[in-house]
Amino acid sequence: AIGGVIDGCPPLVEIDEAFIRAEMAR
């Protein structure tokens, strides 16, 4: 696998997994 850790992201950001999947598909 590959992966990562994002540190410093502000709280209460709504995570749209469908949008993330669309970006990954590109």
PDB file of all heavy atoms in Angstrom:
ATOM      1  N   ALA A   1       0.842  -1.200   0.000  1.00  0.00           N
ATOM      2  CA  ALA A   1       0.000   0.000   0.000  1.00  0.00           C
ATOM      3  C   ALA A   1       0.874   1.246   0.000  1.00  0.00           C
ATOM      4  O   ALA A   1       2.066   1.196   0.306  1.00  0.00           O
ATOM      5  CB  ALA A   1      -0.919   0.018   1.219  1.00  0.00           C
ATOM      6  N   ILE A   2       0.265   2.352  -0.376  1.00  0.00           N
ATOM      7  CA  ILE A   2       0.849   3.664  -0.146  1.00  0.00           C
ATOM      8  C   ILE A   2      -0.140   4.435   0.721  1.00  0.00           C
ATOM      9  O   ILE A   2      -1.265   3.974   0.958  1.00  0.00           O
ATOM     10  CB  ILE A   2       1.100   4.420  -1.469  1.00  0.00           C
ATOM     11  CG1 ILE A   2      -0.208   4.565  -2.255  1.00  0.00           C
ATOM     12  CG2 ILE A   2       2.165   3.728  -2.299  1.00  0.00           C
ATOM     13  CD1 ILE A   2      -0.082   5.434  -3.476  1.00  0.00           C
ATOM     14  N   GLY A   3       0.274   5.587   1.209  1.00  0.00           N
ATOM     15  CA  GLY A   3      -0.650   6.348   2.044  1.00  0.00           C
ATOM     16  C   GLY A   3       0.003   7.595   2.582  1.00  0.00           C
ATOM     17  O   GLY A   3       1.060   8.023   2.103  1.00  0.00           O
ATOM     18  N   GLY A   4      -0.629   8.172   3.577  1.00  0.00           N
ATOM     19  CA  GLY A   4      -0.094   9.408   4.123  1.00  0.00           C
ATOM     20  C   GLY A   4      -0.750   9.815   5.425  1.00  0.00           C
ATOM     21  O   GLY A   4      -1.722   9.196   5.881  1.00  0.00           O
ATOM     22  N   VAL A   5      -0.208  10.866   6.001  1.00  0.00           N
ATOM     23  CA  VAL A   5      -0.767  11.486   7.203  1.00  0.00           C
ATOM     24  C   VAL A   5      -0.831  12.987   6.956  1.00  0.00           C
ATOM     25  O   VAL A   5       0.175  13.607   6.593  1.00  0.00           O
ATOM     26  CB  VAL A   5       0.093  11.193   8.453  1.00  0.00           C
ATOM     27  CG1 VAL A   5      -0.480  11.932   9.671  1.00  0.00           C
ATOM     28  CG2 VAL A   5       0.162   9.696   8.718  1.00  0.00           C
ATOM     29  N   ILE A   6      -2.016  13.554   7.112  1.00  0.00           N
ATOM     30  CA  ILE A   6      -2.201  14.999   7.017  1.00  0.00           C
ATOM     31  C   ILE A   6      -2.272  15.552   8.430  1.00  0.00           C
ATOM     32  O   ILE A   6      -3.127  15.160   9.216  1.00  0.00           O
ATOM     33  CB  ILE A   6      -3.503  15.352   6.264  1.00  0.00           C
ATOM     34  CG1 ILE A   6      -3.511  14.723   4.876  1.00  0.00           C
ATOM     35  CG2 ILE A   6      -3.669  16.869   6.169  1.00  0.00           C
ATOM     36  CD1 ILE A   6      -4.863  14.794   4.186  1.00  0.00           C
ATOM     37  N   ASP A   7      -1.355  16.454   8.743  1.00  0.00           N
ATOM     38  CA  ASP A   7      -1.330  17.067  10.077  1.00  0.00           C
ATOM     39  C   ASP A   7      -1.609  18.558   9.914  1.00  0.00           C
ATOM     40  O   ASP A   7      -1.156  19.198   8.968  1.00  0.00           O
ATOM     41  CB  ASP A   7       0.045  16.863  10.718  1.00  0.00           C
ATOM     42  CG  ASP A   7       0.008  17.033  12.227  1.00  0.00           C
ATOM     43  OD1 ASP A   7      -1.099  17.128  12.781  1.00  0.00           O
ATOM     44  OD2 ASP A   7       1.087  17.071  12.831  1.00  0.00           O
ATOM     45  N   GLY A   8      -2.367  19.113  10.848  1.00  0.00           N
ATOM     46  CA  GLY A   8      -2.658  20.542  10.805  1.00  0.00           C
ATOM     47  C   GLY A   8      -3.951  20.892  10.117  1.00  0.00           C
ATOM     48  O   GLY A   8      -4.237  22.076   9.900  1.00  0.00           O
ATOM     49  N   CYS A   9      -4.749  19.892   9.733  1.00  0.00           N
ATOM     50  CA  CYS A   9      -6.031  20.183   9.103  1.00  0.00           C
ATOM     51  C   CYS A   9      -6.999  20.729  10.161  1.00  0.00           C
ATOM     52  O   CYS A   9      -7.149  20.138  11.233  1.00  0.00           O
ATOM     53  CB  CYS A   9      -6.623  18.930   8.469  1.00  0.00           C
ATOM     54  SG  CYS A   9      -8.195  19.220   7.607  1.00  0.00           S
ATOM     55  N   PRO A  10      -7.645  21.844   9.897  1.00  0.00           N
ATOM     56  CA  PRO A  10      -8.584  22.412  10.875  1.00  0.00           C
ATOM     57  C   PRO A  10      -9.731  21.448  11.171  1.00  0.00           C
ATOM     58  O   PRO A  10     -10.088  20.616  10.328  1.00  0.00           O
ATOM     59  CB  PRO A  10      -9.107  23.677  10.183  1.00  0.00           C
ATOM     60  CG  PRO A  10      -8.097  23.993   9.138  1.00  0.00           C
ATOM     61  CD  PRO A  10      -7.540  22.675   8.695  1.00  0.00           C
ATOM     62  N   PRO A  11     -10.334  21.538  12.336  1.00  0.00           N
ATOM     63  CA  PRO A  11     -11.487  20.695  12.648  1.00  0.00           C
ATOM     64  C   PRO A  11     -12.743  21.171  11.922  1.00  0.00           C
ATOM     65  O   PRO A  11     -12.790  22.296  11.403  1.00  0.00           O
ATOM     66  CB  PRO A  11     -11.639  20.857  14.166  1.00  0.00           C
ATOM     67  CG  PRO A  11     -11.079  22.220  14.448  1.00  0.00           C
ATOM     68  CD  PRO A  11      -9.943  22.396  13.471  1.00  0.00           C
ATOM     69  N   LEU A  12     -13.739  20.306  11.868  1.00  0.00           N
ATOM     70  CA  LEU A  12     -15.077  20.597  11.338  1.00  0.00           C
ATOM     71  C   LEU A  12     -15.108  20.830   9.825  1.00  0.00           C
ATOM     72  O   LEU A  12     -16.052  21.415   9.309  1.00  0.00           O
ATOM     73  CB  LEU A  12     -15.700  21.800  12.060  1.00  0.00           C
ATOM     74  CG  LEU A  12     -15.825  21.660  13.580  1.00  0.00           C
ATOM     75  CD1 LEU A  12     -16.422  22.926  14.186  1.00  0.00           C
ATOM     76  CD2 LEU A  12     -16.674  20.440  13.927  1.00  0.00           C
ATOM     77  N   VAL A  13     -14.089  20.366   9.108  1.00  0.00           N
ATOM     78  CA  VAL A  13     -14.141  20.379   7.648  1.00  0.00           C
ATOM     79  C   VAL A  13     -14.959  19.167   7.207  1.00  0.00           C
ATOM     80  O   VAL A  13     -14.651  18.030   7.577  1.00  0.00           O
ATOM     81  CB  VAL A  13     -12.730  20.306   7.035  1.00  0.00           C
ATOM     82  CG1 VAL A  13     -12.821  20.204   5.517  1.00  0.00           C
ATOM     83  CG2 VAL A  13     -11.899  21.512   7.449  1.00  0.00           C
ATOM     84  N   GLU A  14     -16.013  19.393   6.447  1.00  0.00           N
ATOM     85  CA  GLU A  14     -16.866  18.297   5.996  1.00  0.00           C
ATOM     86  C   GLU A  14     -16.154  17.517   4.886  1.00  0.00           C
ATOM     87  O   GLU A  14     -15.798  18.086   3.856  1.00  0.00           O
ATOM     88  CB  GLU A  14     -18.200  18.833   5.498  1.00  0.00           C
ATOM     89  CG  GLU A  14     -19.046  19.469   6.608  1.00  0.00           C
ATOM     90  CD  GLU A  14     -20.421  19.856   6.122  1.00  0.00           C
ATOM     91  OE1 GLU A  14     -20.764  19.520   4.966  1.00  0.00           O
ATOM     92  OE2 GLU A  14     -21.152  20.504   6.890  1.00  0.00           O
ATOM     93  N   ILE A  15     -15.962  16.242   5.118  1.00  0.00           N
ATOM     94  CA  ILE A  15     -15.227  15.403   4.172  1.00  0.00           C
ATOM     95  C   ILE A  15     -16.200  14.759   3.194  1.00  0.00           C
ATOM     96  O   ILE A  15     -17.030  13.936   3.577  1.00  0.00           O
ATOM     97  CB  ILE A  15     -14.413  14.317   4.910  1.00  0.00           C
ATOM     98  CG1 ILE A  15     -13.360  14.966   5.799  1.00  0.00           C
ATOM     99  CG2 ILE A  15     -13.768  13.362   3.917  1.00  0.00           C
ATOM    100  CD1 ILE A  15     -12.355  15.815   5.042  1.00  0.00           C
ATOM    101  N   ASP A  16     -16.098  15.158   1.953  1.00  0.00           N
ATOM    102  CA  ASP A  16     -16.939  14.619   0.880  1.00  0.00           C
ATOM    103  C   ASP A  16     -16.170  13.481   0.213  1.00  0.00           C
ATOM    104  O   ASP A  16     -15.344  13.707  -0.664  1.00  0.00           O
ATOM    105  CB  ASP A  16     -17.260  15.733  -0.113  1.00  0.00           C
ATOM    106  CG  ASP A  16     -18.202  15.286  -1.218  1.00  0.00           C
ATOM    107  OD1 ASP A  16     -18.388  14.067  -1.380  1.00  0.00           O
ATOM    108  OD2 ASP A  16     -18.720  16.159  -1.943  1.00  0.00           O
ATOM    109  N   GLU A  17     -16.436  12.247   0.632  1.00  0.00           N
ATOM    110  CA  GLU A  17     -15.688  11.107   0.103  1.00  0.00           C
ATOM    111  C   GLU A  17     -15.947  10.889  -1.378  1.00  0.00           C
ATOM    112  O   GLU A  17     -15.059  10.420  -2.109  1.00  0.00           O
ATOM    113  CB  GLU A  17     -15.996   9.842   0.908  1.00  0.00           C
ATOM    114  CG  GLU A  17     -15.475   9.892   2.341  1.00  0.00           C
ATOM    115  CD  GLU A  17     -15.424   8.525   2.992  1.00  0.00           C
ATOM    116  OE1 GLU A  17     -15.610   7.513   2.281  1.00  0.00           O
ATOM    117  OE2 GLU A  17     -15.179   8.465   4.212  1.00  0.00           O
ATOM    118  N   ALA A  18     -17.142  11.226  -1.853  1.00  0.00           N
ATOM    119  CA  ALA A  18     -17.433  11.090  -3.281  1.00  0.00           C
ATOM    120  C   ALA A  18     -16.547  12.030  -4.091  1.00  0.00           C
ATOM    121  O   ALA A  18     -16.052  11.659  -5.166  1.00  0.00           O
ATOM    122  CB  ALA A  18     -18.909  11.381  -3.548  1.00  0.00           C
ATOM    123  N   PHE A  19     -16.335  13.241  -3.578  1.00  0.00           N
ATOM    124  CA  PHE A  19     -15.457  14.189  -4.267  1.00  0.00           C
ATOM    125  C   PHE A  19     -14.019  13.678  -4.268  1.00  0.00           C
ATOM    126  O   PHE A  19     -13.326  13.755  -5.290  1.00  0.00           O
ATOM    127  CB  PHE A  19     -15.529  15.556  -3.583  1.00  0.00           C
ATOM    128  CG  PHE A  19     -14.539  16.554  -4.120  1.00  0.00           C
ATOM    129  CD1 PHE A  19     -14.717  17.127  -5.367  1.00  0.00           C
ATOM    130  CD2 PHE A  19     -13.414  16.910  -3.380  1.00  0.00           C
ATOM    131  CE1 PHE A  19     -13.793  18.036  -5.878  1.00  0.00           C
ATOM    132  CE2 PHE A  19     -12.490  17.816  -3.887  1.00  0.00           C
ATOM    133  CZ  PHE A  19     -12.694  18.381  -5.134  1.00  0.00           C
ATOM    134  N   ILE A  20     -13.569  13.140  -3.142  1.00  0.00           N
ATOM    135  CA  ILE A  20     -12.201  12.614  -3.074  1.00  0.00           C
ATOM    136  C   ILE A  20     -12.032  11.465  -4.065  1.00  0.00           C
ATOM    137  O   ILE A  20     -11.025  11.374  -4.773  1.00  0.00           O
ATOM    138  CB  ILE A  20     -11.864  12.156  -1.644  1.00  0.00           C
ATOM    139  CG1 ILE A  20     -11.914  13.340  -0.669  1.00  0.00           C
ATOM    140  CG2 ILE A  20     -10.485  11.497  -1.600  1.00  0.00           C
ATOM    141  CD1 ILE A  20     -11.727  12.958   0.784  1.00  0.00           C
ATOM    142  N   ARG A  21     -13.031  10.580  -4.145  1.00  0.00           N
ATOM    143  CA  ARG A  21     -12.953   9.466  -5.096  1.00  0.00           C
ATOM    144  C   ARG A  21     -12.886   9.968  -6.534  1.00  0.00           C
ATOM    145  O   ARG A  21     -12.157   9.417  -7.367  1.00  0.00           O
ATOM    146  CB  ARG A  21     -14.155   8.535  -4.918  1.00  0.00           C
ATOM    147  CG  ARG A  21     -14.082   7.669  -3.665  1.00  0.00           C
ATOM    148  CD  ARG A  21     -15.154   6.592  -3.645  1.00  0.00           C
ATOM    149  NE  ARG A  21     -14.999   5.779  -2.464  1.00  0.00           N
ATOM    150  CZ  ARG A  21     -15.573   6.039  -1.286  1.00  0.00           C
ATOM    151  NH1 ARG A  21     -16.353   7.111  -1.159  1.00  0.00           N
ATOM    152  NH2 ARG A  21     -15.370   5.254  -0.247  1.00  0.00           N
ATOM    153  N   ALA A  22     -13.655  11.003  -6.832  1.00  0.00           N
ATOM    154  CA  ALA A  22     -13.634  11.561  -8.186  1.00  0.00           C
ATOM    155  C   ALA A  22     -12.261  12.134  -8.521  1.00  0.00           C
ATOM    156  O   ALA A  22     -11.767  11.980  -9.653  1.00  0.00           O
ATOM    157  CB  ALA A  22     -14.707  12.635  -8.322  1.00  0.00           C
ATOM    158  N   GLU A  23     -11.628  12.793  -7.542  1.00  0.00           N
ATOM    159  CA  GLU A  23     -10.284  13.325  -7.757  1.00  0.00           C
ATOM    160  C   GLU A  23      -9.275  12.193  -7.958  1.00  0.00           C
ATOM    161  O   GLU A  23      -8.416  12.263  -8.842  1.00  0.00           O
ATOM    162  CB  GLU A  23      -9.871  14.190  -6.557  1.00  0.00           C
ATOM    163  CG  GLU A  23     -10.635  15.495  -6.432  1.00  0.00           C
ATOM    164  CD  GLU A  23     -10.311  16.445  -7.561  1.00  0.00           C
ATOM    165  OE1 GLU A  23      -9.239  17.083  -7.525  1.00  0.00           O
ATOM    166  OE2 GLU A  23     -11.136  16.557  -8.499  1.00  0.00           O
ATOM    167  N   MET A  24      -9.402  11.143  -7.157  1.00  0.00           N
ATOM    168  CA  MET A  24      -8.493  10.002  -7.288  1.00  0.00           C
ATOM    169  C   MET A  24      -8.661   9.318  -8.647  1.00  0.00           C
ATOM    170  O   MET A  24      -7.685   8.869  -9.257  1.00  0.00           O
ATOM    171  CB  MET A  24      -8.762   8.995  -6.165  1.00  0.00           C
ATOM    172  CG  MET A  24      -8.546   9.532  -4.755  1.00  0.00           C
ATOM    173  SD  MET A  24      -6.830   9.864  -4.379  1.00  0.00           S
ATOM    174  CE  MET A  24      -6.203   8.201  -4.191  1.00  0.00           C
ATOM    175  N   ALA A  25      -9.899   9.267  -9.137  1.00  0.00           N
ATOM    176  CA  ALA A  25     -10.165   8.615 -10.423  1.00  0.00           C
ATOM    177  C   ALA A  25      -9.523   9.376 -11.573  1.00  0.00           C
ATOM    178  O   ALA A  25      -9.158   8.778 -12.593  1.00  0.00           O
ATOM    179  CB  ALA A  25     -11.672   8.509 -10.650  1.00  0.00           C
ATOM    180  N   ARG A  26      -9.359  10.685 -11.417  1.00  0.00           N
ATOM    181  CA  ARG A  26      -8.732  11.483 -12.469  1.00  0.00           C
ATOM    182  C   ARG A  26      -7.238  11.169 -12.599  1.00  0.00           C
ATOM    183  O   ARG A  26      -6.651  11.365 -13.658  1.00  0.00           O
ATOM    184  CB  ARG A  26      -8.923  12.975 -12.185  1.00  0.00           C
ATOM    185  CG  ARG A  26     -10.357  13.438 -12.221  1.00  0.00           C
ATOM    186  CD  ARG A  26     -10.477  14.869 -11.728  1.00  0.00           C
ATOM    187  NE  ARG A  26      -9.794  15.787 -12.625  1.00  0.00           N
ATOM    188  CZ  ARG A  26      -9.161  16.889 -12.237  1.00  0.00           C
ATOM    189  NH1 ARG A  26      -9.078  17.186 -10.940  1.00  0.00           N
ATOM    190  NH2 ARG A  26      -8.591  17.680 -13.114  1.00  0.00           N
TER     191      ARG A  26
END
